[in-house]
């Protein structure tokens, strides 16, 4: 396979070959694709600092309304003036819900494959990685409606079932991002991690309400915003007819005349999304689909490790805070 340059200074995979996403997408079997990414990622680490989403990162977690106060760590509160819940080992087995947007806009791609194919691969990679840690993973795919729902499980054959669902998922039409978030919030009582994979090229007014509800229910939320490079830089040179995939409308656009307005609107939308995520304590990763997926996994784990470190800095041996 060809390799892509390591573009991240200080990356633990420095000097290791990263799999070019274009080469990766030629692997037809999604499970094999995910396995190649995860095994390549792990083999690039001489000594992996990543022991998982679960135990390493959630020995303590911040108190949320509804938590049983019997499990509050009062010593930690006395030193940090913040409430943390002690998690026991059997409680730290992660339950992860992967929400994958397969609306028609996700069919767009200028690098030889689509955002939908990249999103499926990212979801498969996260699922495969978590399955190696014996965490429970579920899947919900959606477009303008919820297409498929697989509850989180960890048992023989489950990950294969999940991969098969991702592989056969058809491309839909419009996007309704509210329904899947509402369904998770309404039906999932046990706290877990919700990973939303979408281009989020939709109005974000209602998104805040549903994300707020998820956070109020105690779920951690991670957003992987998947975009084509041209959607970010609008680097088109020639006037052309542009086709709105979801509405079906054709629009004649001169990029030179439209670029400034487009970039301004795009940045405003992105800024609003980032503000919402900051307010709610949600991880937001914006990823262009030419980025090697090992780096996507690295970014995801690094963010979570840093969040865990922030808690552990207040939690030296013996349970006290510094």
C-alpha atoms as a PDB file:
ATOM      1  CA  UNK A   1       0.000   0.000   0.000  1.00  0.00           C
ATOM      2  CA  UNK A   2       1.129   3.511  -0.578  1.00  0.00           C
ATOM      3  CA  UNK A   3       1.875   5.733   2.346  1.00  0.00           C
ATOM      4  CA  UNK A   4       0.919   9.215   3.353  1.00  0.00           C
ATOM      5  CA  UNK A   5       3.217  11.646   5.064  1.00  0.00           C
ATOM      6  CA  UNK A   6       2.867  11.938   8.782  1.00  0.00           C
ATOM      7  CA  UNK A   7       1.558  15.441   9.166  1.00  0.00           C
ATOM      8  CA  UNK A   8       1.423  15.577  12.930  1.00  0.00           C
ATOM      9  CA  UNK A   9       4.503  16.761  14.825  1.00  0.00           C
ATOM     10  CA  UNK A  10       5.164  14.681  17.898  1.00  0.00           C
ATOM     11  CA  UNK A  11       2.885  11.923  16.704  1.00  0.00           C
ATOM     12  CA  UNK A  12       3.675   8.538  18.278  1.00  0.00           C
ATOM     13  CA  UNK A  13       3.639   7.009  14.805  1.00  0.00           C
ATOM     14  CA  UNK A  14       6.409   9.258  13.569  1.00  0.00           C
ATOM     15  CA  UNK A  15       8.389   7.334  10.987  1.00  0.00           C
ATOM     16  CA  UNK A  16       5.706   4.699  10.640  1.00  0.00           C
ATOM     17  CA  UNK A  17       3.831   4.302   7.373  1.00  0.00           C
ATOM     18  CA  UNK A  18       0.253   5.464   7.338  1.00  0.00           C
ATOM     19  CA  UNK A  19      -2.217   3.854   5.003  1.00  0.00           C
ATOM     20  CA  UNK A  20      -3.381   6.154   2.263  1.00  0.00           C
ATOM     21  CA  UNK A  21      -7.200   6.329   2.522  1.00  0.00           C
ATOM     22  CA  UNK A  22      -7.548   5.905  -1.250  1.00  0.00           C
ATOM     23  CA  UNK A  23      -5.659   2.618  -1.119  1.00  0.00           C
ATOM     24  CA  UNK A  24      -7.585   1.568   1.942  1.00  0.00           C
ATOM     25  CA  UNK A  25     -10.963   2.092   0.287  1.00  0.00           C
ATOM     26  CA  UNK A  26     -10.036  -0.461  -2.347  1.00  0.00           C
ATOM     27  CA  UNK A  27     -10.363  -3.149   0.318  1.00  0.00           C
ATOM     28  CA  UNK A  28     -13.951  -4.195  -0.273  1.00  0.00           C
ATOM     29  CA  UNK A  29     -14.525  -5.951   3.038  1.00  0.00           C
ATOM     30  CA  UNK A  30     -15.200  -3.328   5.690  1.00  0.00           C
ATOM     31  CA  UNK A  31     -14.106  -5.501   8.604  1.00  0.00           C
ATOM     32  CA  UNK A  32     -10.763  -6.184   6.933  1.00  0.00           C
ATOM     33  CA  UNK A  33     -10.426  -2.472   6.270  1.00  0.00           C
ATOM     34  CA  UNK A  34     -11.028  -1.619   9.925  1.00  0.00           C
ATOM     35  CA  UNK A  35      -8.669  -4.340  11.078  1.00  0.00           C
ATOM     36  CA  UNK A  36      -5.913  -3.020   8.815  1.00  0.00           C
ATOM     37  CA  UNK A  37      -6.298   0.480  10.268  1.00  0.00           C
ATOM     38  CA  UNK A  38      -6.354  -0.604  13.907  1.00  0.00           C
ATOM     39  CA  UNK A  39      -3.510  -3.092  13.573  1.00  0.00           C
ATOM     40  CA  UNK A  40      -1.450  -0.535  11.661  1.00  0.00           C
ATOM     41  CA  UNK A  41      -2.172   2.022  14.349  1.00  0.00           C
ATOM     42  CA  UNK A  42      -1.201  -0.288  17.189  1.00  0.00           C
ATOM     43  CA  UNK A  43       1.897  -1.601  15.464  1.00  0.00           C
ATOM     44  CA  UNK A  44       3.049   1.998  14.990  1.00  0.00           C
ATOM     45  CA  UNK A  45       3.181   2.473  18.712  1.00  0.00           C
ATOM     46  CA  UNK A  46       6.279   1.111  20.361  1.00  0.00           C
ATOM     47  CA  UNK A  47       4.565   1.349  23.658  1.00  0.00           C
ATOM     48  CA  UNK A  48       0.903   2.083  23.545  1.00  0.00           C
ATOM     49  CA  UNK A  49      -0.255   4.534  26.213  1.00  0.00           C
ATOM     50  CA  UNK A  50      -3.826   3.731  25.287  1.00  0.00           C
ATOM     51  CA  UNK A  51      -5.406   1.206  27.542  1.00  0.00           C
ATOM     52  CA  UNK A  52      -8.870   1.963  26.425  1.00  0.00           C
ATOM     53  CA  UNK A  53     -11.752   4.324  26.563  1.00  0.00           C
ATOM     54  CA  UNK A  54     -12.982   2.685  29.706  1.00  0.00           C
ATOM     55  CA  UNK A  55     -10.906   1.915  32.776  1.00  0.00           C
ATOM     56  CA  UNK A  56      -8.046   4.257  32.046  1.00  0.00           C
ATOM     57  CA  UNK A  57     -10.248   7.227  31.392  1.00  0.00           C
ATOM     58  CA  UNK A  58     -13.100   6.730  33.788  1.00  0.00           C
ATOM     59  CA  UNK A  59     -11.729   5.735  37.131  1.00  0.00           C
ATOM     60  CA  UNK A  60     -13.460   8.935  38.074  1.00  0.00           C
ATOM     61  CA  UNK A  61     -16.017  10.828  36.125  1.00  0.00           C
ATOM     62  CA  UNK A  62     -17.703  14.117  36.756  1.00  0.00           C
ATOM     63  CA  UNK A  63     -20.969  14.005  38.677  1.00  0.00           C
ATOM     64  CA  UNK A  64     -24.143  14.396  36.657  1.00  0.00           C
ATOM     65  CA  UNK A  65     -27.648  14.998  38.027  1.00  0.00           C
ATOM     66  CA  UNK A  66     -29.236  11.637  38.722  1.00  0.00           C
ATOM     67  CA  UNK A  67     -26.040   9.927  39.875  1.00  0.00           C
ATOM     68  CA  UNK A  68     -26.230   8.036  43.126  1.00  0.00           C
ATOM     69  CA  UNK A  69     -24.649  10.344  45.761  1.00  0.00           C
ATOM     70  CA  UNK A  70     -23.383   7.289  47.654  1.00  0.00           C
ATOM     71  CA  UNK A  71     -20.624   7.007  45.060  1.00  0.00           C
ATOM     72  CA  UNK A  72     -19.389  10.589  45.338  1.00  0.00           C
ATOM     73  CA  UNK A  73     -15.728  10.825  46.306  1.00  0.00           C
ATOM     74  CA  UNK A  74     -15.822  13.335  49.180  1.00  0.00           C
ATOM     75  CA  UNK A  75     -12.049  13.374  49.623  1.00  0.00           C
ATOM     76  CA  UNK A  76     -11.648  14.427  46.034  1.00  0.00           C
ATOM     77  CA  UNK A  77     -14.376  17.023  46.462  1.00  0.00           C
ATOM     78  CA  UNK A  78     -12.599  18.471  49.514  1.00  0.00           C
ATOM     79  CA  UNK A  79      -9.432  19.000  47.509  1.00  0.00           C
ATOM     80  CA  UNK A  80     -10.811  19.979  44.126  1.00  0.00           C
ATOM     81  CA  UNK A  81     -14.171  21.545  45.023  1.00  0.00           C
ATOM     82  CA  UNK A  82     -15.690  19.460  42.250  1.00  0.00           C
ATOM     83  CA  UNK A  83     -17.929  16.415  42.383  1.00  0.00           C
ATOM     84  CA  UNK A  84     -16.623  13.159  40.950  1.00  0.00           C
ATOM     85  CA  UNK A  85     -18.180   9.735  40.941  1.00  0.00           C
ATOM     86  CA  UNK A  86     -16.047   6.687  41.676  1.00  0.00           C
ATOM     87  CA  UNK A  87     -16.486   4.100  38.946  1.00  0.00           C
ATOM     88  CA  UNK A  88     -16.011   0.463  39.676  1.00  0.00           C
ATOM     89  CA  UNK A  89     -14.365  -1.857  37.200  1.00  0.00           C
ATOM     90  CA  UNK A  90     -17.544  -3.525  36.055  1.00  0.00           C
ATOM     91  CA  UNK A  91     -19.082  -0.093  35.505  1.00  0.00           C
ATOM     92  CA  UNK A  92     -16.256   1.098  33.337  1.00  0.00           C
ATOM     93  CA  UNK A  93     -16.998  -1.301  30.501  1.00  0.00           C
ATOM     94  CA  UNK A  94     -17.934   1.207  27.870  1.00  0.00           C
ATOM     95  CA  UNK A  95     -21.232   1.232  26.028  1.00  0.00           C
ATOM     96  CA  UNK A  96     -20.771   3.097  22.773  1.00  0.00           C
ATOM     97  CA  UNK A  97     -23.470   4.087  20.306  1.00  0.00           C
ATOM     98  CA  UNK A  98     -22.233   4.900  16.817  1.00  0.00           C
ATOM     99  CA  UNK A  99     -24.610   7.188  14.888  1.00  0.00           C
ATOM    100  CA  UNK A 100     -23.732   7.249  11.207  1.00  0.00           C
ATOM    101  CA  UNK A 101     -25.234   9.748   8.758  1.00  0.00           C
ATOM    102  CA  UNK A 102     -25.889   8.143   5.363  1.00  0.00           C
ATOM    103  CA  UNK A 103     -27.945  10.914   3.807  1.00  0.00           C
ATOM    104  CA  UNK A 104     -27.475  11.779   0.168  1.00  0.00           C
ATOM    105  CA  UNK A 105     -25.100  14.669   0.886  1.00  0.00           C
ATOM    106  CA  UNK A 106     -22.696  12.089   2.303  1.00  0.00           C
ATOM    107  CA  UNK A 107     -22.357  10.647  -1.203  1.00  0.00           C
ATOM    108  CA  UNK A 108     -20.215  13.607  -2.189  1.00  0.00           C
ATOM    109  CA  UNK A 109     -16.494  13.130  -2.642  1.00  0.00           C
ATOM    110  CA  UNK A 110     -13.750  14.540  -4.871  1.00  0.00           C
ATOM    111  CA  UNK A 111     -10.898  12.260  -3.768  1.00  0.00           C
ATOM    112  CA  UNK A 112     -12.042   9.013  -5.360  1.00  0.00           C
ATOM    113  CA  UNK A 113     -14.490   7.939  -2.667  1.00  0.00           C
ATOM    114  CA  UNK A 114     -17.353   9.530  -0.774  1.00  0.00           C
ATOM    115  CA  UNK A 115     -17.853  10.959   2.678  1.00  0.00           C
ATOM    116  CA  UNK A 116     -20.260   8.085   3.353  1.00  0.00           C
ATOM    117  CA  UNK A 117     -17.561   5.506   2.604  1.00  0.00           C
ATOM    118  CA  UNK A 118     -15.145   7.332   4.873  1.00  0.00           C
ATOM    119  CA  UNK A 119     -17.796   7.620   7.626  1.00  0.00           C
ATOM    120  CA  UNK A 120     -18.562   3.902   7.424  1.00  0.00           C
ATOM    121  CA  UNK A 121     -14.865   3.112   7.655  1.00  0.00           C
ATOM    122  CA  UNK A 122     -14.405   5.447  10.622  1.00  0.00           C
ATOM    123  CA  UNK A 123     -17.358   3.823  12.393  1.00  0.00           C
ATOM    124  CA  UNK A 124     -16.027   0.346  11.622  1.00  0.00           C
ATOM    125  CA  UNK A 125     -12.590   1.343  12.913  1.00  0.00           C
ATOM    126  CA  UNK A 126     -13.926   2.672  16.213  1.00  0.00           C
ATOM    127  CA  UNK A 127     -16.143  -0.405  16.596  1.00  0.00           C
ATOM    128  CA  UNK A 128     -13.287  -2.801  15.913  1.00  0.00           C
ATOM    129  CA  UNK A 129     -10.948  -0.955  18.278  1.00  0.00           C
ATOM    130  CA  UNK A 130     -13.511  -1.003  21.093  1.00  0.00           C
ATOM    131  CA  UNK A 131     -14.285  -4.666  20.507  1.00  0.00           C
ATOM    132  CA  UNK A 132     -10.618  -5.458  21.143  1.00  0.00           C
ATOM    133  CA  UNK A 133     -11.117  -3.868  24.559  1.00  0.00           C
ATOM    134  CA  UNK A 134     -14.240  -5.925  25.226  1.00  0.00           C
ATOM    135  CA  UNK A 135     -16.419  -2.816  25.156  1.00  0.00           C
ATOM    136  CA  UNK A 136     -20.017  -2.940  23.969  1.00  0.00           C
ATOM    137  CA  UNK A 137     -20.698  -1.194  20.655  1.00  0.00           C
ATOM    138  CA  UNK A 138     -23.992  -0.445  18.947  1.00  0.00           C
ATOM    139  CA  UNK A 139     -24.932   1.196  15.671  1.00  0.00           C
ATOM    140  CA  UNK A 140     -27.656   3.481  14.393  1.00  0.00           C
ATOM    141  CA  UNK A 141     -27.664   4.564  10.750  1.00  0.00           C
ATOM    142  CA  UNK A 142     -29.911   7.313   9.452  1.00  0.00           C
ATOM    143  CA  UNK A 143     -30.739   9.635   6.596  1.00  0.00           C
ATOM    144  CA  UNK A 144     -34.103  11.400   6.649  1.00  0.00           C
ATOM    145  CA  UNK A 145     -35.248   8.517   8.837  1.00  0.00           C
ATOM    146  CA  UNK A 146     -33.647   5.952  11.096  1.00  0.00           C
ATOM    147  CA  UNK A 147     -32.522   3.074   8.905  1.00  0.00           C
ATOM    148  CA  UNK A 148     -30.977   0.462  11.170  1.00  0.00           C
ATOM    149  CA  UNK A 149     -30.509   0.051  14.903  1.00  0.00           C
ATOM    150  CA  UNK A 150     -28.202  -2.472  16.557  1.00  0.00           C
ATOM    151  CA  UNK A 151     -28.043  -2.265  20.361  1.00  0.00           C
ATOM    152  CA  UNK A 152     -24.620  -2.230  22.041  1.00  0.00           C
ATOM    153  CA  UNK A 153     -23.309  -5.723  22.700  1.00  0.00           C
ATOM    154  CA  UNK A 154     -20.068  -7.465  23.341  1.00  0.00           C
ATOM    155  CA  UNK A 155     -20.348 -11.085  22.323  1.00  0.00           C
ATOM    156  CA  UNK A 156     -19.162 -13.442  19.641  1.00  0.00           C
ATOM    157  CA  UNK A 157     -20.380 -12.463  16.206  1.00  0.00           C
ATOM    158  CA  UNK A 158     -21.713  -9.045  17.197  1.00  0.00           C
ATOM    159  CA  UNK A 159     -18.958  -7.018  15.590  1.00  0.00           C
ATOM    160  CA  UNK A 160     -19.410  -8.993  12.353  1.00  0.00           C
ATOM    161  CA  UNK A 161     -23.152  -8.272  12.458  1.00  0.00           C
ATOM    162  CA  UNK A 162     -22.415  -4.581  12.911  1.00  0.00           C
ATOM    163  CA  UNK A 163     -19.946  -4.554  10.007  1.00  0.00           C
ATOM    164  CA  UNK A 164     -22.454  -6.266   7.732  1.00  0.00           C
ATOM    165  CA  UNK A 165     -25.036  -3.615   8.586  1.00  0.00           C
ATOM    166  CA  UNK A 166     -22.600  -0.849   7.722  1.00  0.00           C
ATOM    167  CA  UNK A 167     -21.625  -2.515   4.445  1.00  0.00           C
ATOM    168  CA  UNK A 168     -25.169  -2.923   3.191  1.00  0.00           C
ATOM    169  CA  UNK A 169     -26.343   0.509   4.359  1.00  0.00           C
ATOM    170  CA  UNK A 170     -27.715   2.316   1.302  1.00  0.00           C
ATOM    171  CA  UNK A 171     -27.314   6.005   0.660  1.00  0.00           C
ATOM    172  CA  UNK A 172     -30.451   7.865   1.629  1.00  0.00           C
ATOM    173  CA  UNK A 173     -31.918  11.194   0.600  1.00  0.00           C
ATOM    174  CA  UNK A 174     -32.433  14.051   3.040  1.00  0.00           C
ATOM    175  CA  UNK A 175     -31.008  14.458   6.515  1.00  0.00           C
ATOM    176  CA  UNK A 176     -32.917  14.449   9.770  1.00  0.00           C
ATOM    177  CA  UNK A 177     -30.353  14.482  12.528  1.00  0.00           C
ATOM    178  CA  UNK A 178     -32.927  15.036  15.262  1.00  0.00           C
ATOM    179  CA  UNK A 179     -34.586  11.616  15.168  1.00  0.00           C
ATOM    180  CA  UNK A 180     -31.507   9.510  15.945  1.00  0.00           C
ATOM    181  CA  UNK A 181     -30.463  11.812  18.773  1.00  0.00           C
ATOM    182  CA  UNK A 182     -33.989  11.817  20.191  1.00  0.00           C
ATOM    183  CA  UNK A 183     -34.160   8.040  19.984  1.00  0.00           C
ATOM    184  CA  UNK A 184     -30.869   7.530  21.815  1.00  0.00           C
ATOM    185  CA  UNK A 185     -31.842  10.032  24.508  1.00  0.00           C
ATOM    186  CA  UNK A 186     -35.294   8.500  24.947  1.00  0.00           C
ATOM    187  CA  UNK A 187     -34.405   4.817  24.893  1.00  0.00           C
ATOM    188  CA  UNK A 188     -30.900   4.482  26.348  1.00  0.00           C
ATOM    189  CA  UNK A 189     -31.016   4.665  30.110  1.00  0.00           C
ATOM    190  CA  UNK A 190     -27.489   3.514  30.898  1.00  0.00           C
ATOM    191  CA  UNK A 191     -24.848   6.152  30.363  1.00  0.00           C
ATOM    192  CA  UNK A 192     -22.390   5.689  27.556  1.00  0.00           C
ATOM    193  CA  UNK A 193     -20.556   7.393  24.757  1.00  0.00           C
ATOM    194  CA  UNK A 194     -22.444   8.584  21.686  1.00  0.00           C
ATOM    195  CA  UNK A 195     -20.262   9.041  18.603  1.00  0.00           C
ATOM    196  CA  UNK A 196     -22.044  11.014  15.869  1.00  0.00           C
ATOM    197  CA  UNK A 197     -20.427  10.755  12.423  1.00  0.00           C
ATOM    198  CA  UNK A 198     -21.888  13.225   9.943  1.00  0.00           C
ATOM    199  CA  UNK A 199     -21.022  16.143   7.686  1.00  0.00           C
ATOM    200  CA  UNK A 200     -23.495  18.220   9.739  1.00  0.00           C
ATOM    201  CA  UNK A 201     -24.366  20.294   6.700  1.00  0.00           C
ATOM    202  CA  UNK A 202     -27.720  21.056   8.233  1.00  0.00           C
ATOM    203  CA  UNK A 203     -29.184  23.875  10.314  1.00  0.00           C
ATOM    204  CA  UNK A 204     -27.823  23.437  13.805  1.00  0.00           C
ATOM    205  CA  UNK A 205     -30.585  25.142  15.785  1.00  0.00           C
ATOM    206  CA  UNK A 206     -32.318  21.909  16.769  1.00  0.00           C
ATOM    207  CA  UNK A 207     -29.009  20.139  17.167  1.00  0.00           C
ATOM    208  CA  UNK A 208     -28.234  22.077  20.334  1.00  0.00           C
ATOM    209  CA  UNK A 209     -31.491  21.020  21.971  1.00  0.00           C
ATOM    210  CA  UNK A 210     -30.909  17.341  21.307  1.00  0.00           C
ATOM    211  CA  UNK A 211     -27.248  17.396  22.246  1.00  0.00           C
ATOM    212  CA  UNK A 212     -28.156  19.193  25.471  1.00  0.00           C
ATOM    213  CA  UNK A 213     -30.672  16.478  26.261  1.00  0.00           C
ATOM    214  CA  UNK A 214     -28.084  13.763  25.698  1.00  0.00           C
ATOM    215  CA  UNK A 215     -25.601  15.504  27.973  1.00  0.00           C
ATOM    216  CA  UNK A 216     -28.277  16.014  30.628  1.00  0.00           C
ATOM    217  CA  UNK A 217     -28.866  12.259  30.573  1.00  0.00           C
ATOM    218  CA  UNK A 218     -25.185  11.788  31.400  1.00  0.00           C
ATOM    219  CA  UNK A 219     -23.972  10.585  28.001  1.00  0.00           C
ATOM    220  CA  UNK A 220     -20.590  11.612  26.703  1.00  0.00           C
ATOM    221  CA  UNK A 221     -20.865  12.876  23.142  1.00  0.00           C
ATOM    222  CA  UNK A 222     -18.206  12.856  20.449  1.00  0.00           C
ATOM    223  CA  UNK A 223     -18.793  14.347  16.996  1.00  0.00           C
ATOM    224  CA  UNK A 224     -16.707  13.344  14.002  1.00  0.00           C
ATOM    225  CA  UNK A 225     -17.546  15.905  11.352  1.00  0.00           C
ATOM    226  CA  UNK A 226     -16.589  14.353   8.021  1.00  0.00           C
ATOM    227  CA  UNK A 227     -16.070  16.731   5.102  1.00  0.00           C
ATOM    228  CA  UNK A 228     -14.628  16.671   1.617  1.00  0.00           C
ATOM    229  CA  UNK A 229     -11.567  18.939   1.240  1.00  0.00           C
ATOM    230  CA  UNK A 230     -13.369  21.023  -1.399  1.00  0.00           C
ATOM    231  CA  UNK A 231     -16.179  21.749   1.054  1.00  0.00           C
ATOM    232  CA  UNK A 232     -13.613  23.320   3.354  1.00  0.00           C
ATOM    233  CA  UNK A 233     -11.507  25.335   0.902  1.00  0.00           C
ATOM    234  CA  UNK A 234     -13.954  25.678  -2.023  1.00  0.00           C
ATOM    235  CA  UNK A 235     -10.944  25.360  -4.342  1.00  0.00           C
ATOM    236  CA  UNK A 236     -12.857  25.228  -7.613  1.00  0.00           C
ATOM    237  CA  UNK A 237     -11.392  27.103 -10.551  1.00  0.00           C
ATOM    238  CA  UNK A 238     -13.941  27.147 -13.343  1.00  0.00           C
ATOM    239  CA  UNK A 239     -17.594  28.260 -13.448  1.00  0.00           C
ATOM    240  CA  UNK A 240     -19.755  25.181 -13.575  1.00  0.00           C
ATOM    241  CA  UNK A 241     -23.167  23.736 -12.878  1.00  0.00           C
ATOM    242  CA  UNK A 242     -23.304  22.531  -9.264  1.00  0.00           C
ATOM    243  CA  UNK A 243     -25.855  19.937  -8.265  1.00  0.00           C
ATOM    244  CA  UNK A 244     -27.471  20.083  -4.824  1.00  0.00           C
ATOM    245  CA  UNK A 245     -27.512  16.396  -3.959  1.00  0.00           C
ATOM    246  CA  UNK A 246     -30.301  16.536  -1.407  1.00  0.00           C
ATOM    247  CA  UNK A 247     -32.675  19.007  -3.115  1.00  0.00           C
ATOM    248  CA  UNK A 248     -31.895  17.910  -6.669  1.00  0.00           C
ATOM    249  CA  UNK A 249     -31.496  21.515  -7.834  1.00  0.00           C
ATOM    250  CA  UNK A 250     -28.853  22.544 -10.351  1.00  0.00           C
ATOM    251  CA  UNK A 251     -27.116  25.851  -9.774  1.00  0.00           C
ATOM    252  CA  UNK A 252     -24.709  27.657 -12.090  1.00  0.00           C
ATOM    253  CA  UNK A 253     -21.935  29.067  -9.916  1.00  0.00           C
ATOM    254  CA  UNK A 254     -18.850  31.111 -10.660  1.00  0.00           C
ATOM    255  CA  UNK A 255     -16.429  30.055  -7.866  1.00  0.00           C
ATOM    256  CA  UNK A 256     -14.496  33.319  -8.061  1.00  0.00           C
ATOM    257  CA  UNK A 257     -17.660  35.277  -7.288  1.00  0.00           C
ATOM    258  CA  UNK A 258     -19.119  32.842  -4.756  1.00  0.00           C
ATOM    259  CA  UNK A 259     -16.018  31.774  -2.814  1.00  0.00           C
ATOM    260  CA  UNK A 260     -15.949  34.578  -0.233  1.00  0.00           C
ATOM    261  CA  UNK A 261     -19.637  34.274   0.617  1.00  0.00           C
ATOM    262  CA  UNK A 262     -19.402  30.488   0.771  1.00  0.00           C
ATOM    263  CA  UNK A 263     -16.355  30.477   3.039  1.00  0.00           C
ATOM    264  CA  UNK A 264     -17.881  33.134   5.263  1.00  0.00           C
ATOM    265  CA  UNK A 265     -21.098  31.129   5.666  1.00  0.00           C
ATOM    266  CA  UNK A 266     -19.171  27.901   6.186  1.00  0.00           C
ATOM    267  CA  UNK A 267     -16.973  29.418   8.885  1.00  0.00           C
ATOM    268  CA  UNK A 268     -19.949  30.976  10.618  1.00  0.00           C
ATOM    269  CA  UNK A 269     -21.725  27.619  10.667  1.00  0.00           C
ATOM    270  CA  UNK A 270     -18.589  25.848  11.919  1.00  0.00           C
ATOM    271  CA  UNK A 271     -18.036  28.496  14.575  1.00  0.00           C
ATOM    272  CA  UNK A 272     -21.602  28.128  15.848  1.00  0.00           C
ATOM    273  CA  UNK A 273     -21.178  24.371  16.024  1.00  0.00           C
ATOM    274  CA  UNK A 274     -17.904  24.718  17.929  1.00  0.00           C
ATOM    275  CA  UNK A 275     -19.521  27.136  20.372  1.00  0.00           C
ATOM    276  CA  UNK A 276     -22.350  24.704  21.079  1.00  0.00           C
ATOM    277  CA  UNK A 277     -19.887  21.875  21.635  1.00  0.00           C
ATOM    278  CA  UNK A 278     -17.754  23.996  23.964  1.00  0.00           C
ATOM    279  CA  UNK A 279     -20.793  24.980  25.985  1.00  0.00           C
ATOM    280  CA  UNK A 280     -21.939  21.389  26.354  1.00  0.00           C
ATOM    281  CA  UNK A 281     -18.525  19.778  26.876  1.00  0.00           C
ATOM    282  CA  UNK A 282     -18.709  17.818  23.627  1.00  0.00           C
ATOM    283  CA  UNK A 283     -15.682  16.691  21.645  1.00  0.00           C
ATOM    284  CA  UNK A 284     -15.798  17.967  18.074  1.00  0.00           C
ATOM    285  CA  UNK A 285     -13.350  16.670  15.476  1.00  0.00           C
ATOM    286  CA  UNK A 286     -13.512  18.108  11.963  1.00  0.00           C
ATOM    287  CA  UNK A 287     -11.949  15.625   9.549  1.00  0.00           C
ATOM    288  CA  UNK A 288     -11.436  15.872   5.820  1.00  0.00           C
ATOM    289  CA  UNK A 289     -11.710  12.551   4.053  1.00  0.00           C
ATOM    290  CA  UNK A 290      -8.151  12.612   2.740  1.00  0.00           C
ATOM    291  CA  UNK A 291      -6.874  12.279   6.309  1.00  0.00           C
ATOM    292  CA  UNK A 292      -5.447   8.827   7.149  1.00  0.00           C
ATOM    293  CA  UNK A 293      -7.796   7.012   9.454  1.00  0.00           C
ATOM    294  CA  UNK A 294      -5.016   6.064  11.865  1.00  0.00           C
ATOM    295  CA  UNK A 295      -4.719   9.792  12.573  1.00  0.00           C
ATOM    296  CA  UNK A 296      -8.478  10.003  13.098  1.00  0.00           C
ATOM    297  CA  UNK A 297      -8.156   7.253  15.708  1.00  0.00           C
ATOM    298  CA  UNK A 298      -5.117   8.929  17.218  1.00  0.00           C
ATOM    299  CA  UNK A 299      -6.920  12.278  17.500  1.00  0.00           C
ATOM    300  CA  UNK A 300      -9.896  10.612  19.116  1.00  0.00           C
ATOM    301  CA  UNK A 301      -7.843   8.752  21.710  1.00  0.00           C
ATOM    302  CA  UNK A 302      -5.567  11.686  22.437  1.00  0.00           C
ATOM    303  CA  UNK A 303      -8.529  13.922  23.199  1.00  0.00           C
ATOM    304  CA  UNK A 304      -9.975  11.353  25.543  1.00  0.00           C
ATOM    305  CA  UNK A 305      -6.626  10.689  27.190  1.00  0.00           C
ATOM    306  CA  UNK A 306      -6.194  14.406  27.808  1.00  0.00           C
ATOM    307  CA  UNK A 307      -9.628  14.588  29.369  1.00  0.00           C
ATOM    308  CA  UNK A 308      -8.742  11.623  31.565  1.00  0.00           C
ATOM    309  CA  UNK A 309      -5.449  13.266  32.512  1.00  0.00           C
ATOM    310  CA  UNK A 310      -7.284  16.397  33.573  1.00  0.00           C
ATOM    311  CA  UNK A 311      -9.207  14.298  36.050  1.00  0.00           C
ATOM    312  CA  UNK A 312      -6.164  12.292  37.156  1.00  0.00           C
ATOM    313  CA  UNK A 313      -4.175  15.478  37.770  1.00  0.00           C
ATOM    314  CA  UNK A 314      -6.607  16.120  40.583  1.00  0.00           C
ATOM    315  CA  UNK A 315      -6.460  12.475  41.607  1.00  0.00           C
ATOM    316  CA  UNK A 316      -3.035  11.317  42.780  1.00  0.00           C
ATOM    317  CA  UNK A 317      -2.498   7.871  44.294  1.00  0.00           C
ATOM    318  CA  UNK A 318      -4.728   7.371  47.271  1.00  0.00           C
ATOM    319  CA  UNK A 319      -7.648   9.188  45.721  1.00  0.00           C
ATOM    320  CA  UNK A 320      -6.715  12.694  46.787  1.00  0.00           C
ATOM    321  CA  UNK A 321      -6.475  15.716  44.619  1.00  0.00           C
ATOM    322  CA  UNK A 322      -3.428  17.798  44.051  1.00  0.00           C
END
